[in-house]
PDB file of all heavy atoms in Angstrom:
ATOM      1  N   SER A   1    -106.676  -0.135-149.558  1.00  0.00           N
ATOM      2  CA  SER A   1    -106.408   1.281-149.325  1.00  0.00           C
ATOM      3  C   SER A   1    -106.010   1.533-147.884  1.00  0.00           C
ATOM      4  O   SER A   1    -106.264   0.735-146.995  1.00  0.00           O
ATOM      5  CB  SER A   1    -107.650   2.116-149.646  1.00  0.00           C
ATOM      6  OG  SER A   1    -107.946   2.048-151.007  1.00  0.00           O
ATOM      7  N   SER A   2    -105.418   2.686-147.686  1.00  0.00           N
ATOM      8  CA  SER A   2    -105.057   3.162-146.357  1.00  0.00           C
ATOM      9  C   SER A   2    -106.071   4.223-145.950  1.00  0.00           C
ATOM     10  O   SER A   2    -106.453   5.063-146.756  1.00  0.00           O
ATOM     11  CB  SER A   2    -103.648   3.728-146.427  1.00  0.00           C
ATOM     12  OG  SER A   2    -103.405   4.638-145.427  1.00  0.00           O
ATOM     13  N   VAL A   3    -106.522   4.176-144.711  1.00  0.00           N
ATOM     14  CA  VAL A   3    -107.477   5.164-144.208  1.00  0.00           C
ATOM     15  C   VAL A   3    -106.684   6.331-143.631  1.00  0.00           C
ATOM     16  O   VAL A   3    -105.855   6.149-142.744  1.00  0.00           O
ATOM     17  CB  VAL A   3    -108.394   4.538-143.136  1.00  0.00           C
ATOM     18  CG1 VAL A   3    -109.267   5.603-142.497  1.00  0.00           C
ATOM     19  CG2 VAL A   3    -109.238   3.440-143.745  1.00  0.00           C
ATOM     20  N   ASP A   4    -106.930   7.523-144.164  1.00  0.00           N
ATOM     21  CA  ASP A   4    -106.240   8.719-143.676  1.00  0.00           C
ATOM     22  C   ASP A   4    -107.188   9.915-143.710  1.00  0.00           C
ATOM     23  O   ASP A   4    -107.053  10.807-144.532  1.00  0.00           O
ATOM     24  CB  ASP A   4    -104.975   8.999-144.481  1.00  0.00           C
ATOM     25  CG  ASP A   4    -105.253   9.310-145.956  1.00  0.00           C
ATOM     26  OD1 ASP A   4    -106.368   9.011-146.440  1.00  0.00           O
ATOM     27  OD2 ASP A   4    -104.371   9.877-146.611  1.00  0.00           O
ATOM     28  N   PRO A   5    -108.173   9.959-142.801  1.00  0.00           N
ATOM     29  CA  PRO A   5    -109.128  11.066-142.791  1.00  0.00           C
ATOM     30  C   PRO A   5    -108.395  12.405-142.764  1.00  0.00           C
ATOM     31  O   PRO A   5    -107.508  12.620-141.947  1.00  0.00           O
ATOM     32  CB  PRO A   5    -109.934  10.861-141.517  1.00  0.00           C
ATOM     33  CG  PRO A   5    -109.694   9.440-141.127  1.00  0.00           C
ATOM     34  CD  PRO A   5    -108.359   9.069-141.672  1.00  0.00           C
ATOM     35  N   THR A   6    -108.782  13.291-143.680  1.00  0.00           N
ATOM     36  CA  THR A   6    -108.066  14.547-143.860  1.00  0.00           C
ATOM     37  C   THR A   6    -109.035  15.709-143.984  1.00  0.00           C
ATOM     38  O   THR A   6    -110.054  15.602-144.667  1.00  0.00           O
ATOM     39  CB  THR A   6    -107.195  14.478-145.136  1.00  0.00           C
ATOM     40  OG1 THR A   6    -106.258  13.406-145.006  1.00  0.00           O
ATOM     41  CG2 THR A   6    -106.446  15.779-145.383  1.00  0.00           C
ATOM     42  N   VAL A   7    -108.708  16.805-143.319  1.00  0.00           N
ATOM     43  CA  VAL A   7    -109.353  18.094-143.551  1.00  0.00           C
ATOM     44  C   VAL A   7    -108.299  18.921-144.272  1.00  0.00           C
ATOM     45  O   VAL A   7    -107.159  19.013-143.812  1.00  0.00           O
ATOM     46  CB  VAL A   7    -109.762  18.788-142.233  1.00  0.00           C
ATOM     47  CG1 VAL A   7    -110.261  20.185-142.505  1.00  0.00           C
ATOM     48  CG2 VAL A   7    -110.817  17.995-141.507  1.00  0.00           C
ATOM     49  N   GLU A   8    -108.665  19.494-145.419  1.00  0.00           N
ATOM     50  CA  GLU A   8    -107.687  20.228-146.207  1.00  0.00           C
ATOM     51  C   GLU A   8    -108.268  21.551-146.674  1.00  0.00           C
ATOM     52  O   GLU A   8    -109.473  21.773-146.608  1.00  0.00           O
ATOM     53  CB  GLU A   8    -107.246  19.396-147.409  1.00  0.00           C
ATOM     54  CG  GLU A   8    -108.396  18.963-148.279  1.00  0.00           C
ATOM     55  CD  GLU A   8    -108.056  17.836-149.241  1.00  0.00           C
ATOM     56  OE1 GLU A   8    -107.023  17.183-149.076  1.00  0.00           O
ATOM     57  OE2 GLU A   8    -108.850  17.630-150.159  1.00  0.00           O
ATOM     58  N   ASP A   9    -107.398  22.395-147.148  1.00  0.00           N
ATOM     59  CA  ASP A   9    -107.809  23.675-147.726  1.00  0.00           C
ATOM     60  C   ASP A   9    -108.670  24.490-146.764  1.00  0.00           C
ATOM     61  O   ASP A   9    -109.671  25.079-147.165  1.00  0.00           O
ATOM     62  CB  ASP A   9    -108.562  23.465-149.045  1.00  0.00           C
ATOM     63  CG  ASP A   9    -107.751  22.681-150.052  1.00  0.00           C
ATOM     64  OD1 ASP A   9    -106.515  22.865-150.076  1.00  0.00           O
ATOM     65  OD2 ASP A   9    -108.327  21.892-150.799  1.00  0.00           O
ATOM     66  N   VAL A  10    -108.292  24.531-145.482  1.00  0.00           N
ATOM     67  CA  VAL A  10    -109.023  25.335-144.505  1.00  0.00           C
ATOM     68  C   VAL A  10    -108.682  26.802-144.752  1.00  0.00           C
ATOM     69  O   VAL A  10    -107.515  27.184-144.726  1.00  0.00           O
ATOM     70  CB  VAL A  10    -108.657  24.938-143.066  1.00  0.00           C
ATOM     71  CG1 VAL A  10    -109.357  25.839-142.065  1.00  0.00           C
ATOM     72  CG2 VAL A  10    -108.983  23.479-142.815  1.00  0.00           C
ATOM     73  N   THR A  11    -109.694  27.595-145.037  1.00  0.00           N
ATOM     74  CA  THR A  11    -109.492  29.021-145.305  1.00  0.00           C
ATOM     75  C   THR A  11    -110.555  29.822-144.571  1.00  0.00           C
ATOM     76  O   THR A  11    -111.732  29.519-144.734  1.00  0.00           O
ATOM     77  CB  THR A  11    -109.604  29.311-146.821  1.00  0.00           C
ATOM     78  OG1 THR A  11    -108.728  28.427-147.518  1.00  0.00           O
ATOM     79  CG2 THR A  11    -109.241  30.734-147.142  1.00  0.00           C
ATOM     80  N   PRO A  12    -110.213  30.807-143.790  1.00  0.00           N
ATOM     81  CA  PRO A  12    -108.867  31.223-143.371  1.00  0.00           C
ATOM     82  C   PRO A  12    -108.408  30.442-142.148  1.00  0.00           C
ATOM     83  O   PRO A  12    -109.199  30.153-141.257  1.00  0.00           O
ATOM     84  CB  PRO A  12    -109.059  32.706-143.045  1.00  0.00           C
ATOM     85  CG  PRO A  12    -110.470  32.786-142.545  1.00  0.00           C
ATOM     86  CD  PRO A  12    -111.248  31.732-143.311  1.00  0.00           C
ATOM     87  N   THR A  13    -107.153  30.111-142.068  1.00  0.00           N
ATOM     88  CA  THR A  13    -106.649  29.286-140.970  1.00  0.00           C
ATOM     89  C   THR A  13    -106.636  30.010-139.637  1.00  0.00           C
ATOM     90  O   THR A  13    -106.674  29.366-138.597  1.00  0.00           O
ATOM     91  CB  THR A  13    -105.217  28.793-141.269  1.00  0.00           C
ATOM     92  OG1 THR A  13    -104.363  29.922-141.460  1.00  0.00           O
ATOM     93  CG2 THR A  13    -105.196  27.901-142.486  1.00  0.00           C
ATOM     94  N   ASP A  14    -106.591  31.323-139.641  1.00  0.00           N
ATOM     95  CA  ASP A  14    -106.498  32.060-138.378  1.00  0.00           C
ATOM     96  C   ASP A  14    -107.856  32.465-137.820  1.00  0.00           C
ATOM     97  O   ASP A  14    -107.934  33.128-136.800  1.00  0.00           O
ATOM     98  CB  ASP A  14    -105.614  33.292-138.540  1.00  0.00           C
ATOM     99  CG  ASP A  14    -106.161  34.273-139.575  1.00  0.00           C
ATOM    100  OD1 ASP A  14    -106.944  33.852-140.458  1.00  0.00           O
ATOM    101  OD2 ASP A  14    -105.798  35.464-139.507  1.00  0.00           O
ATOM    102  N   LYS A  15    -108.947  32.052-138.465  1.00  0.00           N
ATOM    103  CA  LYS A  15    -110.276  32.502-138.049  1.00  0.00           C
ATOM    104  C   LYS A  15    -111.178  31.380-137.545  1.00  0.00           C
ATOM    105  O   LYS A  15    -112.146  31.633-136.842  1.00  0.00           O
ATOM    106  CB  LYS A  15    -110.993  33.199-139.204  1.00  0.00           C
ATOM    107  CG  LYS A  15    -110.237  34.355-139.808  1.00  0.00           C
ATOM    108  CD  LYS A  15    -110.301  35.572-138.941  1.00  0.00           C
ATOM    109  CE  LYS A  15    -109.654  36.750-139.664  1.00  0.00           C
ATOM    110  NZ  LYS A  15    -109.636  37.940-138.881  1.00  0.00           N
ATOM    111  N   VAL A  16    -110.904  30.125-137.932  1.00  0.00           N
ATOM    112  CA  VAL A  16    -111.790  29.026-137.551  1.00  0.00           C
ATOM    113  C   VAL A  16    -111.001  27.851-136.974  1.00  0.00           C
ATOM    114  O   VAL A  16    -109.836  27.654-137.283  1.00  0.00           O
ATOM    115  CB  VAL A  16    -112.644  28.518-138.753  1.00  0.00           C
ATOM    116  CG1 VAL A  16    -113.588  29.589-139.228  1.00  0.00           C
ATOM    117  CG2 VAL A  16    -111.774  27.998-139.880  1.00  0.00           C
ATOM    118  N   GLU A  17    -111.686  27.104-136.114  1.00  0.00           N
ATOM    119  CA  GLU A  17    -111.169  25.831-135.611  1.00  0.00           C
ATOM    120  C   GLU A  17    -111.963  24.726-136.289  1.00  0.00           C
ATOM    121  O   GLU A  17    -113.193  24.782-136.351  1.00  0.00           O
ATOM    122  CB  GLU A  17    -111.360  25.730-134.098  1.00  0.00           C
ATOM    123  CG  GLU A  17    -110.925  24.373-133.561  1.00  0.00           C
ATOM    124  CD  GLU A  17    -111.331  24.159-132.121  1.00  0.00           C
ATOM    125  OE1 GLU A  17    -112.555  24.115-131.857  1.00  0.00           O
ATOM    126  OE2 GLU A  17    -110.435  24.048-131.277  1.00  0.00           O
ATOM    127  N   VAL A  18    -111.251  23.724-136.804  1.00  0.00           N
ATOM    128  CA  VAL A  18    -111.891  22.594-137.471  1.00  0.00           C
ATOM    129  C   VAL A  18    -111.552  21.330-136.690  1.00  0.00           C
ATOM    130  O   VAL A  18    -110.396  21.106-136.326  1.00  0.00           O
ATOM    131  CB  VAL A  18    -111.406  22.451-138.928  1.00  0.00           C
ATOM    132  CG1 VAL A  18    -112.052  21.246-139.595  1.00  0.00           C
ATOM    133  CG2 VAL A  18    -111.689  23.713-139.712  1.00  0.00           C
ATOM    134  N   CYS A  19    -112.583  20.506-136.421  1.00  0.00           N
ATOM    135  CA  CYS A  19    -112.386  19.246-135.703  1.00  0.00           C
ATOM    136  C   CYS A  19    -112.980  18.105-136.514  1.00  0.00           C
ATOM    137  O   CYS A  19    -113.986  18.285-137.199  1.00  0.00           O
ATOM    138  CB  CYS A  19    -113.069  19.280-134.343  1.00  0.00           C
ATOM    139  SG  CYS A  19    -112.505  20.604-133.268  1.00  0.00           S
ATOM    140  N   MET A  20    -112.366  16.936-136.415  1.00  0.00           N
ATOM    141  CA  MET A  20    -112.926  15.697-136.975  1.00  0.00           C
ATOM    142  C   MET A  20    -113.097  14.708-135.841  1.00  0.00           C
ATOM    143  O   MET A  20    -112.168  14.484-135.058  1.00  0.00           O
ATOM    144  CB  MET A  20    -111.978  15.082-138.021  1.00  0.00           C
ATOM    145  CG  MET A  20    -112.083  15.672-139.384  1.00  0.00           C
ATOM    146  SD  MET A  20    -111.262  14.649-140.647  1.00  0.00           S
ATOM    147  CE  MET A  20    -109.578  14.657-140.094  1.00  0.00           C
ATOM    148  N   PHE A  21    -114.298  14.116-135.765  1.00  0.00           N
ATOM    149  CA  PHE A  21    -114.603  13.103-134.765  1.00  0.00           C
ATOM    150  C   PHE A  21    -115.023  11.831-135.487  1.00  0.00           C
ATOM    151  O   PHE A  21    -115.611  11.890-136.574  1.00  0.00           O
ATOM    152  CB  PHE A  21    -115.726  13.578-133.843  1.00  0.00           C
ATOM    153  CG  PHE A  21    -115.390  14.845-133.115  1.00  0.00           C
ATOM    154  CD1 PHE A  21    -115.841  16.068-133.577  1.00  0.00           C
ATOM    155  CD2 PHE A  21    -114.604  14.808-131.975  1.00  0.00           C
ATOM    156  CE1 PHE A  21    -115.524  17.246-132.915  1.00  0.00           C
ATOM    157  CE2 PHE A  21    -114.280  15.978-131.298  1.00  0.00           C
ATOM    158  CZ  PHE A  21    -114.741  17.192-131.772  1.00  0.00           C
ATOM    159  N   PHE A  22    -114.759  10.660-134.872  1.00  0.00           N
ATOM    160  CA  PHE A  22    -114.954   9.389-135.546  1.00  0.00           C
ATOM    161  C   PHE A  22    -115.849   8.454-134.747  1.00  0.00           C
ATOM    162  O   PHE A  22    -115.733   8.359-133.535  1.00  0.00           O
ATOM    163  CB  PHE A  22    -113.595   8.711-135.772  1.00  0.00           C
ATOM    164  CG  PHE A  22    -112.606   9.635-136.402  1.00  0.00           C
ATOM    165  CD1 PHE A  22    -111.629  10.243-135.643  1.00  0.00           C
ATOM    166  CD2 PHE A  22    -112.691   9.937-137.752  1.00  0.00           C
ATOM    167  CE1 PHE A  22    -110.728  11.125-136.216  1.00  0.00           C
ATOM    168  CE2 PHE A  22    -111.806  10.813-138.337  1.00  0.00           C
ATOM    169  CZ  PHE A  22    -110.821  11.407-137.569  1.00  0.00           C
ATOM    170  N   ASP A  23    -116.723   7.771-135.470  1.00  0.00           N
ATOM    171  CA  ASP A  23    -117.603   6.767-134.877  1.00  0.00           C
ATOM    172  C   ASP A  23    -117.559   5.544-135.784  1.00  0.00           C
ATOM    173  O   ASP A  23    -118.154   5.542-136.866  1.00  0.00           O
ATOM    174  CB  ASP A  23    -119.031   7.325-134.785  1.00  0.00           C
ATOM    175  CG  ASP A  23    -119.957   6.437-133.993  1.00  0.00           C
ATOM    176  OD1 ASP A  23    -119.474   5.516-133.304  1.00  0.00           O
ATOM    177  OD2 ASP A  23    -121.182   6.660-134.064  1.00  0.00           O
ATOM    178  N   CYS A  24    -116.822   4.518-135.365  1.00  0.00           N
ATOM    179  CA  CYS A  24    -116.692   3.316-136.182  1.00  0.00           C
ATOM    180  C   CYS A  24    -118.070   2.708-136.432  1.00  0.00           C
ATOM    181  O   CYS A  24    -118.930   2.713-135.551  1.00  0.00           O
ATOM    182  CB  CYS A  24    -115.783   2.303-135.501  1.00  0.00           C
ATOM    183  SG  CYS A  24    -114.054   2.838-135.418  1.00  0.00           S
ATOM    184  N   ILE A  25    -118.287   2.217-137.643  1.00  0.00           N
ATOM    185  CA  ILE A  25    -119.592   1.676-138.037  1.00  0.00           C
ATOM    186  C   ILE A  25    -119.957   0.462-137.185  1.00  0.00           C
ATOM    187  O   ILE A  25    -121.088   0.310-136.758  1.00  0.00           O
ATOM    188  CB  ILE A  25    -119.615   1.316-139.537  1.00  0.00           C
ATOM    189  CG1 ILE A  25    -119.343   2.555-140.399  1.00  0.00           C
ATOM    190  CG2 ILE A  25    -120.926   0.646-139.917  1.00  0.00           C
ATOM    191  CD1 ILE A  25    -120.354   3.664-140.270  1.00  0.00           C
ATOM    192  N   GLU A  26    -118.988  -0.404-136.917  1.00  0.00           N
ATOM    193  CA  GLU A  26    -119.248  -1.564-136.066  1.00  0.00           C
ATOM    194  C   GLU A  26    -119.359  -1.060-134.628  1.00  0.00           C
ATOM    195  O   GLU A  26    -118.400  -0.533-134.075  1.00  0.00           O
ATOM    196  CB  GLU A  26    -118.122  -2.583-136.193  1.00  0.00           C
ATOM    197  CG  GLU A  26    -117.989  -3.135-137.605  1.00  0.00           C
ATOM    198  CD  GLU A  26    -116.767  -4.026-137.761  1.00  0.00           C
ATOM    199  OE1 GLU A  26    -116.162  -4.413-136.741  1.00  0.00           O
ATOM    200  OE2 GLU A  26    -116.434  -4.319-138.908  1.00  0.00           O
ATOM    201  N   GLN A  27    -120.514  -1.199-134.028  1.00  0.00           N
ATOM    202  CA  GLN A  27    -120.785  -0.602-132.715  1.00  0.00           C
ATOM    203  C   GLN A  27    -119.808  -1.034-131.628  1.00  0.00           C
ATOM    204  O   GLN A  27    -119.522  -0.283-130.714  1.00  0.00           O
ATOM    205  CB  GLN A  27    -122.223  -0.915-132.274  1.00  0.00           C
ATOM    206  CG  GLN A  27    -123.265  -0.274-133.147  1.00  0.00           C
ATOM    207  CD  GLN A  27    -123.164   1.250-133.148  1.00  0.00           C
ATOM    208  OE1 GLN A  27    -122.881   1.871-132.141  1.00  0.00           O
ATOM    209  NE2 GLN A  27    -123.392   1.861-134.295  1.00  0.00           N
ATOM    210  N   SER A  28    -119.301  -2.252-131.728  1.00  0.00           N
ATOM    211  CA  SER A  28    -118.384  -2.718-130.678  1.00  0.00           C
ATOM    212  C   SER A  28    -116.934  -2.382-131.004  1.00  0.00           C
ATOM    213  O   SER A  28    -116.035  -2.783-130.295  1.00  0.00           O
ATOM    214  CB  SER A  28    -118.530  -4.239-130.517  1.00  0.00           C
ATOM    215  OG  SER A  28    -118.166  -4.883-131.727  1.00  0.00           O
ATOM    216  N   ALA A  29    -116.721  -1.622-132.059  1.00  0.00           N
ATOM    217  CA  ALA A  29    -115.368  -1.341-132.501  1.00  0.00           C
ATOM    218  C   ALA A  29    -114.655  -0.374-131.557  1.00  0.00           C
ATOM    219  O   ALA A  29    -115.231   0.600-131.107  1.00  0.00           O
ATOM    220  CB  ALA A  29    -115.389  -0.762-133.911  1.00  0.00           C
ATOM    221  N   ALA A  30    -113.410  -0.668-131.281  1.00  0.00           N
ATOM    222  CA  ALA A  30    -112.578   0.238-130.496  1.00  0.00           C
ATOM    223  C   ALA A  30    -111.940   1.237-131.452  1.00  0.00           C
ATOM    224  O   ALA A  30    -111.504   0.880-132.532  1.00  0.00           O
ATOM    225  CB  ALA A  30    -111.504  -0.547-129.760  1.00  0.00           C
ATOM    226  N   ARG A  31    -111.917   2.505-131.062  1.00  0.00           N
ATOM    227  CA  ARG A  31    -111.305   3.531-131.900  1.00  0.00           C
ATOM    228  C   ARG A  31    -109.893   3.800-131.417  1.00  0.00           C
ATOM    229  O   ARG A  31    -109.656   3.973-130.232  1.00  0.00           O
ATOM    230  CB  ARG A  31    -112.102   4.823-131.831  1.00  0.00           C
ATOM    231  CG  ARG A  31    -113.456   4.724-132.459  1.00  0.00           C
ATOM    232  CD  ARG A  31    -114.212   5.986-132.181  1.00  0.00           C
ATOM    233  NE  ARG A  31    -114.463   6.052-130.738  1.00  0.00           N
ATOM    234  CZ  ARG A  31    -115.513   6.636-130.192  1.00  0.00           C
ATOM    235  NH1 ARG A  31    -116.373   7.252-130.942  1.00  0.00           N
ATOM    236  NH2 ARG A  31    -115.691   6.646-128.900  1.00  0.00           N
ATOM    237  N   SER A  32    -108.978   3.856-132.363  1.00  0.00           N
ATOM    238  CA  SER A  32    -107.637   4.343-132.045  1.00  0.00           C
ATOM    239  C   SER A  32    -107.150   5.141-133.245  1.00  0.00           C
ATOM    240  O   SER A  32    -107.471   4.823-134.388  1.00  0.00           O
ATOM    241  CB  SER A  32    -106.680   3.200-131.709  1.00  0.00           C
ATOM    242  OG  SER A  32    -106.434   2.403-132.832  1.00  0.00           O
ATOM    243  N   PHE A  33    -106.418   6.195-132.980  1.00  0.00           N
ATOM    244  CA  PHE A  33    -105.883   7.055-134.030  1.00  0.00           C
ATOM    245  C   PHE A  33    -104.842   7.965-133.399  1.00  0.00           C
ATOM    246  O   PHE A  33    -104.730   8.047-132.176  1.00  0.00           O
ATOM    247  CB  PHE A  33    -106.988   7.884-134.695  1.00  0.00           C
ATOM    248  CG  PHE A  33    -107.801   8.689-133.733  1.00  0.00           C
ATOM    249  CD1 PHE A  33    -107.408   9.950-133.339  1.00  0.00           C
ATOM    250  CD2 PHE A  33    -108.967   8.158-133.192  1.00  0.00           C
ATOM    251  CE1 PHE A  33    -108.159  10.682-132.426  1.00  0.00           C
ATOM    252  CE2 PHE A  33    -109.725   8.879-132.291  1.00  0.00           C
ATOM    253  CZ  PHE A  33    -109.314  10.144-131.904  1.00  0.00           C
ATOM    254  N   THR A  34    -104.094   8.655-134.241  1.00  0.00           N
ATOM    255  CA  THR A  34    -103.069   9.569-133.782  1.00  0.00           C
ATOM    256  C   THR A  34    -103.345  10.954-134.345  1.00  0.00           C
ATOM    257  O   THR A  34    -103.444  11.122-135.568  1.00  0.00           O
ATOM    258  CB  THR A  34    -101.672   9.096-134.253  1.00  0.00           C
ATOM    259  OG1 THR A  34    -101.454   7.775-133.779  1.00  0.00           O
ATOM    260  CG2 THR A  34    -100.582  10.021-133.747  1.00  0.00           C
ATOM    261  N   CYS A  35    -103.498  11.941-133.471  1.00  0.00           N
ATOM    262  CA  CYS A  35    -103.653  13.329-133.918  1.00  0.00           C
ATOM    263  C   CYS A  35    -102.284  13.844-134.340  1.00  0.00           C
ATOM    264  O   CYS A  35    -101.310  13.678-133.602  1.00  0.00           O
ATOM    265  CB  CYS A  35    -104.222  14.207-132.806  1.00  0.00           C
ATOM    266  SG  CYS A  35    -105.927  13.808-132.368  1.00  0.00           S
ATOM    267  N   PRO A  36    -102.185  14.477-135.504  1.00  0.00           N
ATOM    268  CA  PRO A  36    -100.884  14.932-135.995  1.00  0.00           C
ATOM    269  C   PRO A  36    -100.424  16.206-135.296  1.00  0.00           C
ATOM    270  O   PRO A  36    -101.202  16.889-134.629  1.00  0.00           O
ATOM    271  CB  PRO A  36    -101.155  15.195-137.480  1.00  0.00           C
ATOM    272  CG  PRO A  36    -102.587  15.585-137.523  1.00  0.00           C
ATOM    273  CD  PRO A  36    -103.258  14.741-136.467  1.00  0.00           C
TER     274      PRO A  36
END
């Protein structure tokens, strides 16, 4: 599979800010990702 963390169906879009933060399970893991 491909990993694609997604927040969807945010309602209402003009009233709230939604954030996703990531903590890799392997403690020594380096995190990299691209914000869209």
